[in-house]
Amino acid sequence: MKDKIKNIAEKLEHQIRMHELDLNDRIKDIPQIILLLEQGFSELKEIVSFYKFKSEMDEIFFFKIIKPKFFSKLIYYRKVYNIEMMRPNGQDCVLKNYFINELNQLENFYNKNIDFYKYYRSGSTHLDKYFFLRGKQDIQMTMETFYWRNRQTLWSAYSR
């Protein structure tokens, strides 16, 4: 299992690097990279979907280290492609406003996910079993539910 995943990941990494070296026209070249990544994910999904990892640590390693390495590239290339496809024709001020709007959207996404981002980037492990094991309660939903319930309680207390 580990060897199959490792082989797929190495093959995918090599293919992506080769395409990145030849990246001249984002609109024409990026779809090929996206297709490679989607095919790689299909292969990984086929292998991992019904696989029982030998330990929780192996499963956490796959979902915390291996999968994000390629999934982040897929997200990146899809976003770049969509930005390029939707980029308006026009003067510099039109383009500037378009890119500022896109940047604001990225910042909003980042701000909404800052807690997870900090957890992941800091190398923390104390919540790994909630974030990176299949079949566990979604901690993000729990955090949001907690926030909204407490917000409602606080709101009703202040509105009396």
N, C-alpha and C. Protein backbone atom coordinates (compact mmCIF):
# COMPACT_ATOMS: atom_id res chain seq x y z
N MET A 1 0.82 -1.20 0.00
CA MET A 1 0.00 0.00 0.00
C MET A 1 0.86 1.25 0.00
N LYS A 2 1.78 1.34 0.96
CA LYS A 2 2.63 2.52 1.04
C LYS A 2 3.43 2.69 -0.24
N ASP A 3 3.89 1.56 -0.80
CA ASP A 3 4.67 1.63 -2.03
C ASP A 3 3.84 2.13 -3.20
N LYS A 4 2.58 1.68 -3.29
CA LYS A 4 1.70 2.15 -4.36
C LYS A 4 1.48 3.65 -4.25
N ILE A 5 1.19 4.10 -3.04
CA ILE A 5 0.96 5.53 -2.82
C ILE A 5 2.22 6.31 -3.13
N LYS A 6 3.34 5.81 -2.67
CA LYS A 6 4.63 6.48 -2.92
C LYS A 6 4.91 6.56 -4.42
N ASN A 7 4.66 5.48 -5.16
CA ASN A 7 4.89 5.48 -6.60
C ASN A 7 3.98 6.47 -7.33
N ILE A 8 2.72 6.48 -6.95
CA ILE A 8 1.79 7.43 -7.58
C ILE A 8 2.23 8.86 -7.29
N ALA A 9 2.59 9.12 -6.03
CA ALA A 9 3.00 10.47 -5.63
C ALA A 9 4.27 10.90 -6.37
N GLU A 10 5.24 10.02 -6.48
CA GLU A 10 6.49 10.36 -7.18
C GLU A 10 6.25 10.59 -8.66
N LYS A 11 5.45 9.72 -9.27
CA LYS A 11 5.13 9.87 -10.70
C LYS A 11 4.41 11.19 -10.95
N LEU A 12 3.45 11.49 -10.09
CA LEU A 12 2.69 12.72 -10.21
C LEU A 12 3.59 13.94 -10.02
N GLU A 13 4.43 13.90 -9.04
CA GLU A 13 5.36 15.01 -8.78
C GLU A 13 6.27 15.26 -9.99
N HIS A 14 6.78 14.20 -10.56
CA HIS A 14 7.65 14.31 -11.74
C HIS A 14 6.89 14.91 -12.93
N GLN A 15 5.69 14.42 -13.19
CA GLN A 15 4.90 14.92 -14.31
C GLN A 15 4.55 16.40 -14.13
N ILE A 16 4.21 16.77 -12.92
CA ILE A 16 3.86 18.17 -12.65
C ILE A 16 5.07 19.06 -12.87
N ARG A 17 6.23 18.62 -12.36
CA ARG A 17 7.45 19.43 -12.55
C ARG A 17 7.76 19.63 -14.02
N MET A 18 7.59 18.59 -14.82
CA MET A 18 7.85 18.70 -16.25
C MET A 18 6.89 19.70 -16.90
N HIS A 19 5.63 19.67 -16.52
CA HIS A 19 4.66 20.61 -17.08
C HIS A 19 4.93 22.04 -16.59
N GLU A 20 5.35 22.17 -15.35
CA GLU A 20 5.63 23.50 -14.81
C GLU A 20 6.80 24.15 -15.55
N LEU A 21 7.76 23.35 -15.97
CA LEU A 21 8.90 23.89 -16.71
C LEU A 21 8.48 24.44 -18.06
N ASP A 22 7.44 23.86 -18.64
CA ASP A 22 6.96 24.28 -19.96
C ASP A 22 5.78 25.24 -19.89
N LEU A 23 5.48 25.76 -18.72
CA LEU A 23 4.32 26.62 -18.54
C LEU A 23 4.57 28.00 -19.15
N ASN A 24 3.97 28.22 -20.33
CA ASN A 24 4.11 29.49 -21.02
C ASN A 24 2.81 30.27 -21.03
N ASP A 25 1.74 29.59 -21.32
CA ASP A 25 0.42 30.21 -21.42
C ASP A 25 -0.47 29.57 -20.37
N ARG A 26 -0.81 30.33 -19.33
CA ARG A 26 -1.58 29.77 -18.21
C ARG A 26 -2.91 29.19 -18.67
N ILE A 27 -3.59 29.87 -19.54
CA ILE A 27 -4.92 29.43 -19.96
C ILE A 27 -4.84 28.12 -20.74
N LYS A 28 -3.81 27.94 -21.54
CA LYS A 28 -3.70 26.73 -22.34
C LYS A 28 -2.97 25.60 -21.61
N ASP A 29 -2.00 25.93 -20.75
CA ASP A 29 -1.15 24.91 -20.13
C ASP A 29 -1.65 24.38 -18.79
N ILE A 30 -2.31 25.20 -18.01
CA ILE A 30 -2.74 24.78 -16.67
C ILE A 30 -3.77 23.65 -16.71
N PRO A 31 -4.71 23.62 -17.65
CA PRO A 31 -5.65 22.49 -17.65
C PRO A 31 -4.97 21.12 -17.73
N GLN A 32 -3.82 21.04 -18.38
CA GLN A 32 -3.10 19.76 -18.44
C GLN A 32 -2.60 19.36 -17.05
N ILE A 33 -2.13 20.33 -16.29
CA ILE A 33 -1.65 20.06 -14.93
C ILE A 33 -2.83 19.67 -14.04
N ILE A 34 -3.95 20.38 -14.18
CA ILE A 34 -5.14 20.05 -13.40
C ILE A 34 -5.60 18.63 -13.71
N LEU A 35 -5.60 18.27 -14.97
CA LEU A 35 -6.00 16.91 -15.36
C LEU A 35 -5.07 15.87 -14.75
N LEU A 36 -3.77 16.11 -14.78
CA LEU A 36 -2.82 15.18 -14.15
C LEU A 36 -3.12 15.01 -12.67
N LEU A 37 -3.35 16.12 -11.98
CA LEU A 37 -3.63 16.06 -10.55
C LEU A 37 -4.95 15.33 -10.28
N GLU A 38 -5.96 15.59 -11.07
CA GLU A 38 -7.25 14.91 -10.88
C GLU A 38 -7.12 13.41 -11.13
N GLN A 39 -6.35 13.02 -12.15
CA GLN A 39 -6.13 11.59 -12.41
C GLN A 39 -5.35 10.94 -11.26
N GLY A 40 -4.36 11.66 -10.74
CA GLY A 40 -3.59 11.16 -9.61
C GLY A 40 -4.48 10.97 -8.39
N PHE A 41 -5.38 11.92 -8.15
CA PHE A 41 -6.30 11.79 -7.02
C PHE A 41 -7.26 10.63 -7.21
N SER A 42 -7.69 10.40 -8.44
CA SER A 42 -8.57 9.26 -8.69
C SER A 42 -7.86 7.96 -8.35
N GLU A 43 -6.61 7.85 -8.75
CA GLU A 43 -5.82 6.65 -8.41
C GLU A 43 -5.67 6.50 -6.90
N LEU A 44 -5.30 7.59 -6.24
CA LEU A 44 -5.14 7.54 -4.78
C LEU A 44 -6.45 7.19 -4.09
N LYS A 45 -7.54 7.79 -4.55
CA LYS A 45 -8.84 7.52 -3.94
C LYS A 45 -9.22 6.06 -4.09
N GLU A 46 -8.96 5.49 -5.25
CA GLU A 46 -9.25 4.08 -5.48
C GLU A 46 -8.50 3.19 -4.49
N ILE A 47 -7.26 3.53 -4.23
CA ILE A 47 -6.44 2.73 -3.32
C ILE A 47 -6.85 2.95 -1.86
N VAL A 48 -7.05 4.20 -1.49
CA VAL A 48 -7.24 4.56 -0.09
C VAL A 48 -8.67 4.36 0.40
N SER A 49 -9.66 4.47 -0.49
CA SER A 49 -11.06 4.44 -0.08
C SER A 49 -11.40 3.25 0.82
N PHE A 50 -10.97 2.08 0.46
CA PHE A 50 -11.34 0.88 1.21
C PHE A 50 -10.16 0.30 1.99
N TYR A 51 -9.06 1.01 1.96
CA TYR A 51 -7.87 0.51 2.65
C TYR A 51 -7.95 0.76 4.14
N LYS A 52 -7.60 -0.22 4.91
CA LYS A 52 -7.51 -0.09 6.37
C LYS A 52 -6.05 0.13 6.71
N PHE A 53 -5.72 1.33 7.14
CA PHE A 53 -4.35 1.65 7.51
C PHE A 53 -3.92 0.80 8.69
N LYS A 54 -2.64 0.47 8.74
CA LYS A 54 -2.11 -0.40 9.80
C LYS A 54 -2.18 0.28 11.16
N SER A 55 -2.08 1.59 11.17
CA SER A 55 -2.14 2.31 12.44
C SER A 55 -2.77 3.68 12.20
N GLU A 56 -3.20 4.30 13.28
CA GLU A 56 -3.74 5.65 13.18
C GLU A 56 -2.66 6.61 12.68
N MET A 57 -1.43 6.39 13.10
CA MET A 57 -0.33 7.26 12.68
C MET A 57 -0.12 7.21 11.16
N ASP A 58 -0.26 6.01 10.56
CA ASP A 58 -0.13 5.89 9.10
C ASP A 58 -1.25 6.65 8.39
N GLU A 59 -2.45 6.53 8.94
CA GLU A 59 -3.59 7.23 8.33
C GLU A 59 -3.42 8.75 8.48
N ILE A 60 -3.02 9.18 9.65
CA ILE A 60 -2.79 10.60 9.89
C ILE A 60 -1.70 11.11 8.95
N PHE A 61 -0.62 10.36 8.81
CA PHE A 61 0.48 10.76 7.93
C PHE A 61 -0.03 10.95 6.51
N PHE A 62 -0.85 10.02 6.02
CA PHE A 62 -1.36 10.13 4.66
C PHE A 62 -2.21 11.39 4.50
N PHE A 63 -3.18 11.58 5.40
CA PHE A 63 -4.13 12.68 5.25
C PHE A 63 -3.55 14.03 5.67
N LYS A 64 -2.50 14.02 6.47
CA LYS A 64 -1.90 15.28 6.92
C LYS A 64 -0.72 15.71 6.05
N ILE A 65 0.03 14.77 5.52
CA ILE A 65 1.25 15.10 4.78
C ILE A 65 1.12 14.81 3.28
N ILE A 66 0.78 13.59 2.92
CA ILE A 66 0.78 13.18 1.51
C ILE A 66 -0.32 13.86 0.71
N LYS A 67 -1.56 13.70 1.14
CA LYS A 67 -2.69 14.24 0.38
C LYS A 67 -2.61 15.76 0.22
N PRO A 68 -2.36 16.53 1.29
CA PRO A 68 -2.31 18.00 1.12
C PRO A 68 -1.20 18.47 0.18
N LYS A 69 -0.13 17.70 0.09
CA LYS A 69 0.97 18.09 -0.79
C LYS A 69 0.48 18.25 -2.22
N PHE A 70 -0.40 17.36 -2.66
CA PHE A 70 -0.90 17.42 -4.02
C PHE A 70 -2.23 18.16 -4.11
N PHE A 71 -3.05 18.03 -3.09
CA PHE A 71 -4.34 18.72 -3.11
C PHE A 71 -4.14 20.23 -3.12
N SER A 72 -3.13 20.70 -2.42
CA SER A 72 -2.86 22.14 -2.42
C SER A 72 -2.46 22.62 -3.81
N LYS A 73 -1.76 21.78 -4.55
CA LYS A 73 -1.39 22.15 -5.92
C LYS A 73 -2.63 22.20 -6.81
N LEU A 74 -3.53 21.25 -6.61
CA LEU A 74 -4.76 21.25 -7.39
C LEU A 74 -5.57 22.51 -7.10
N ILE A 75 -5.70 22.86 -5.84
CA ILE A 75 -6.42 24.09 -5.47
C ILE A 75 -5.74 25.29 -6.10
N TYR A 76 -4.41 25.35 -5.99
CA TYR A 76 -3.65 26.47 -6.54
C TYR A 76 -3.88 26.62 -8.05
N TYR A 77 -3.70 25.53 -8.78
CA TYR A 77 -3.82 25.62 -10.24
C TYR A 77 -5.25 25.92 -10.68
N ARG A 78 -6.23 25.37 -9.98
CA ARG A 78 -7.61 25.70 -10.32
C ARG A 78 -7.88 27.18 -10.08
N LYS A 79 -7.37 27.71 -8.97
CA LYS A 79 -7.59 29.12 -8.65
C LYS A 79 -6.89 30.02 -9.68
N VAL A 80 -5.66 29.73 -10.00
CA VAL A 80 -4.93 30.53 -10.99
C VAL A 80 -5.65 30.48 -12.33
N TYR A 81 -6.08 29.29 -12.72
CA TYR A 81 -6.78 29.14 -14.00
C TYR A 81 -8.07 29.97 -14.01
N ASN A 82 -8.85 29.88 -12.94
CA ASN A 82 -10.11 30.64 -12.88
C ASN A 82 -9.86 32.14 -12.85
N ILE A 83 -8.84 32.56 -12.15
CA ILE A 83 -8.50 33.99 -12.13
C ILE A 83 -8.13 34.46 -13.53
N GLU A 84 -7.34 33.68 -14.23
CA GLU A 84 -6.93 34.05 -15.59
C GLU A 84 -8.11 34.03 -16.55
N MET A 85 -8.98 33.04 -16.41
CA MET A 85 -10.13 32.93 -17.31
C MET A 85 -11.11 34.09 -17.12
N MET A 86 -11.24 34.55 -15.90
CA MET A 86 -12.21 35.60 -15.59
C MET A 86 -11.60 37.00 -15.63
N ARG A 87 -10.31 37.07 -15.87
CA ARG A 87 -9.64 38.37 -15.89
C ARG A 87 -10.22 39.25 -16.99
N PRO A 88 -10.66 40.45 -16.61
CA PRO A 88 -11.30 41.31 -17.62
C PRO A 88 -10.28 41.96 -18.55
N ASN A 89 -10.76 42.31 -19.70
CA ASN A 89 -9.96 43.13 -20.59
C ASN A 89 -10.18 44.57 -20.18
N GLY A 90 -9.16 45.33 -20.19
CA GLY A 90 -9.35 46.73 -19.82
C GLY A 90 -8.06 47.38 -19.39
N GLN A 91 -8.24 48.60 -18.94
CA GLN A 91 -7.10 49.39 -18.53
C GLN A 91 -6.56 48.89 -17.19
N ASP A 92 -5.42 49.45 -16.80
CA ASP A 92 -4.75 49.03 -15.58
C ASP A 92 -5.65 49.16 -14.35
N CYS A 93 -6.46 50.21 -14.28
CA CYS A 93 -7.32 50.40 -13.10
C CYS A 93 -8.37 49.29 -13.00
N VAL A 94 -8.88 48.81 -14.14
CA VAL A 94 -9.85 47.72 -14.15
C VAL A 94 -9.18 46.43 -13.66
N LEU A 95 -7.99 46.17 -14.18
CA LEU A 95 -7.25 44.98 -13.76
C LEU A 95 -6.87 45.05 -12.29
N LYS A 96 -6.45 46.23 -11.85
CA LYS A 96 -6.06 46.40 -10.45
C LYS A 96 -7.26 46.09 -9.54
N ASN A 97 -8.42 46.62 -9.87
CA ASN A 97 -9.62 46.37 -9.06
C ASN A 97 -9.98 44.88 -9.06
N TYR A 98 -9.84 44.24 -10.20
CA TYR A 98 -10.13 42.81 -10.31
C TYR A 98 -9.21 42.01 -9.39
N PHE A 99 -7.91 42.29 -9.46
CA PHE A 99 -6.96 41.54 -8.65
C PHE A 99 -7.09 41.87 -7.16
N ILE A 100 -7.45 43.08 -6.82
CA ILE A 100 -7.69 43.43 -5.42
C ILE A 100 -8.89 42.64 -4.90
N ASN A 101 -9.93 42.53 -5.71
CA ASN A 101 -11.10 41.75 -5.31
C ASN A 101 -10.73 40.27 -5.10
N GLU A 102 -9.95 39.72 -6.00
CA GLU A 102 -9.52 38.32 -5.87
C GLU A 102 -8.67 38.14 -4.60
N LEU A 103 -7.79 39.08 -4.35
CA LEU A 103 -6.96 39.02 -3.15
C LEU A 103 -7.82 39.11 -1.89
N ASN A 104 -8.82 39.95 -1.90
CA ASN A 104 -9.73 40.06 -0.75
C ASN A 104 -10.46 38.74 -0.49
N GLN A 105 -10.86 38.06 -1.54
CA GLN A 105 -11.53 36.77 -1.39
C GLN A 105 -10.58 35.74 -0.77
N LEU A 106 -9.33 35.74 -1.21
CA LEU A 106 -8.34 34.83 -0.64
C LEU A 106 -8.09 35.15 0.84
N GLU A 107 -8.01 36.42 1.15
CA GLU A 107 -7.81 36.83 2.54
C GLU A 107 -8.99 36.43 3.42
N ASN A 108 -10.21 36.57 2.89
CA ASN A 108 -11.39 36.15 3.64
C ASN A 108 -11.37 34.65 3.92
N PHE A 109 -11.00 33.87 2.93
CA PHE A 109 -10.89 32.42 3.13
C PHE A 109 -9.85 32.11 4.20
N TYR A 110 -8.72 32.76 4.11
CA TYR A 110 -7.65 32.57 5.09
C TYR A 110 -8.15 32.94 6.49
N ASN A 111 -8.79 34.07 6.62
CA ASN A 111 -9.27 34.52 7.93
C ASN A 111 -10.31 33.57 8.52
N LYS A 112 -11.16 33.01 7.68
CA LYS A 112 -12.17 32.06 8.16
C LYS A 112 -11.54 30.75 8.64
N ASN A 113 -10.37 30.43 8.13
CA ASN A 113 -9.72 29.16 8.46
C ASN A 113 -8.43 29.35 9.25
N ILE A 114 -8.26 30.48 9.88
CA ILE A 114 -7.00 30.82 10.55
C ILE A 114 -6.63 29.83 11.65
N ASP A 115 -7.62 29.33 12.41
CA ASP A 115 -7.30 28.41 13.49
C ASP A 115 -6.69 27.12 12.96
N PHE A 116 -7.29 26.58 11.91
CA PHE A 116 -6.74 25.35 11.33
C PHE A 116 -5.38 25.63 10.69
N TYR A 117 -5.27 26.75 10.03
CA TYR A 117 -4.02 27.13 9.39
C TYR A 117 -2.89 27.19 10.42
N LYS A 118 -3.15 27.83 11.55
CA LYS A 118 -2.15 27.92 12.61
C LYS A 118 -1.81 26.53 13.16
N TYR A 119 -2.82 25.73 13.37
CA TYR A 119 -2.61 24.37 13.88
C TYR A 119 -1.70 23.59 12.92
N TYR A 120 -2.04 23.62 11.66
CA TYR A 120 -1.30 22.85 10.66
C TYR A 120 0.13 23.37 10.50
N ARG A 121 0.27 24.67 10.35
CA ARG A 121 1.59 25.26 10.11
C ARG A 121 2.52 25.15 11.33
N SER A 122 1.96 25.12 12.53
CA SER A 122 2.78 25.06 13.73
C SER A 122 3.31 23.65 13.99
N GLY A 123 2.79 22.67 13.25
CA GLY A 123 3.23 21.29 13.47
C GLY A 123 2.55 20.64 14.65
N SER A 124 1.48 21.24 15.13
CA SER A 124 0.75 20.66 16.27
C SER A 124 0.19 19.30 15.92
N THR A 125 0.01 18.47 16.93
CA THR A 125 -0.49 17.12 16.70
C THR A 125 -1.65 16.73 17.62
N HIS A 126 -1.96 17.55 18.60
CA HIS A 126 -2.93 17.16 19.62
C HIS A 126 -4.36 16.98 19.08
N LEU A 127 -4.69 17.52 17.94
CA LEU A 127 -6.02 17.35 17.34
C LEU A 127 -5.99 16.51 16.06
N ASP A 128 -4.87 15.89 15.76
CA ASP A 128 -4.74 15.11 14.53
C ASP A 128 -5.82 14.04 14.40
N LYS A 129 -6.15 13.39 15.50
CA LYS A 129 -7.15 12.31 15.41
C LYS A 129 -8.52 12.85 14.98
N TYR A 130 -8.78 14.13 15.22
CA TYR A 130 -10.05 14.72 14.78
C TYR A 130 -9.99 15.23 13.35
N PHE A 131 -8.86 15.77 12.98
CA PHE A 131 -8.72 16.36 11.65
C PHE A 131 -8.36 15.35 10.56
N PHE A 132 -7.58 14.31 10.90
CA PHE A 132 -6.97 13.49 9.85
C PHE A 132 -7.28 12.01 9.91
N LEU A 133 -8.24 11.60 10.72
CA LEU A 133 -8.69 10.21 10.71
C LEU A 133 -10.09 10.14 10.13
N ARG A 134 -10.33 9.14 9.31
CA ARG A 134 -11.66 8.97 8.74
C ARG A 134 -12.63 8.48 9.81
N GLY A 135 -13.88 8.88 9.64
CA GLY A 135 -14.92 8.39 10.52
C GLY A 135 -14.98 9.05 11.88
N LYS A 136 -14.25 10.12 12.06
CA LYS A 136 -14.28 10.85 13.33
C LYS A 136 -15.20 12.05 13.20
N GLN A 137 -15.66 12.54 14.34
CA GLN A 137 -16.52 13.71 14.35
C GLN A 137 -15.77 14.89 13.74
N ASP A 138 -16.48 15.68 12.95
CA ASP A 138 -15.88 16.86 12.32
C ASP A 138 -15.71 17.95 13.36
N ILE A 139 -14.49 18.17 13.77
CA ILE A 139 -14.21 19.15 14.83
C ILE A 139 -14.56 20.55 14.38
N GLN A 140 -14.46 20.85 13.10
CA GLN A 140 -14.79 22.18 12.60
C GLN A 140 -16.27 22.47 12.83
N MET A 141 -17.11 21.48 12.57
CA MET A 141 -18.54 21.67 12.81
C MET A 141 -18.80 21.87 14.29
N THR A 142 -18.10 21.12 15.11
CA THR A 142 -18.27 21.24 16.55
C THR A 142 -17.87 22.64 17.00
N MET A 143 -16.77 23.17 16.49
CA MET A 143 -16.32 24.49 16.87
C MET A 143 -17.33 25.55 16.41
N GLU A 144 -17.83 25.42 15.19
CA GLU A 144 -18.81 26.39 14.69
C GLU A 144 -20.10 26.32 15.49
N THR A 145 -20.57 25.12 15.79
CA THR A 145 -21.79 24.95 16.56
C THR A 145 -21.62 25.56 17.94
N PHE A 146 -20.49 25.32 18.56
CA PHE A 146 -20.20 25.89 19.87
C PHE A 146 -20.23 27.41 19.81
N TYR A 147 -19.60 27.95 18.80
CA TYR A 147 -19.54 29.40 18.64
C TYR A 147 -20.95 29.98 18.50
N TRP A 148 -21.75 29.41 17.59
CA TRP A 148 -23.07 29.97 17.33
C TRP A 148 -24.01 29.79 18.50
N ARG A 149 -23.92 28.64 19.20
CA ARG A 149 -24.77 28.44 20.37
C ARG A 149 -24.43 29.47 21.44
N ASN A 150 -23.13 29.66 21.71
CA ASN A 150 -22.73 30.61 22.72
C ASN A 150 -23.04 32.04 22.30
N ARG A 151 -22.96 32.32 21.05
CA ARG A 151 -23.29 33.65 20.54
C ARG A 151 -24.77 33.94 20.77
N GLN A 152 -25.62 32.94 20.48
CA GLN A 152 -27.04 33.12 20.69
C GLN A 152 -27.34 33.31 22.17
N THR A 153 -26.71 32.54 23.02
CA THR A 153 -26.91 32.66 24.46
C THR A 153 -26.50 34.04 24.94
N LEU A 154 -25.33 34.49 24.49
CA LEU A 154 -24.88 35.83 24.87
C LEU A 154 -25.81 36.90 24.34
N TRP A 155 -26.26 36.73 23.12
CA TRP A 155 -27.14 37.73 22.51
C TRP A 155 -28.46 37.83 23.27
N SER A 156 -29.02 36.65 23.60
CA SER A 156 -30.30 36.69 24.31
C SER A 156 -30.13 37.25 25.72
N ALA A 157 -28.98 37.04 26.34
CA ALA A 157 -28.73 37.59 27.68
C ALA A 157 -28.63 39.10 27.62
N TYR A 158 -28.02 39.64 26.57
CA TYR A 158 -27.87 41.09 26.45
C TYR A 158 -29.14 41.76 25.97
N SER A 159 -30.00 41.05 25.30
CA SER A 159 -31.18 41.69 24.73
C SER A 159 -32.36 41.72 25.71
N ARG A 160 -32.19 41.22 26.92
CA ARG A 160 -33.27 41.25 27.92
C ARG A 160 -33.45 42.59 28.52
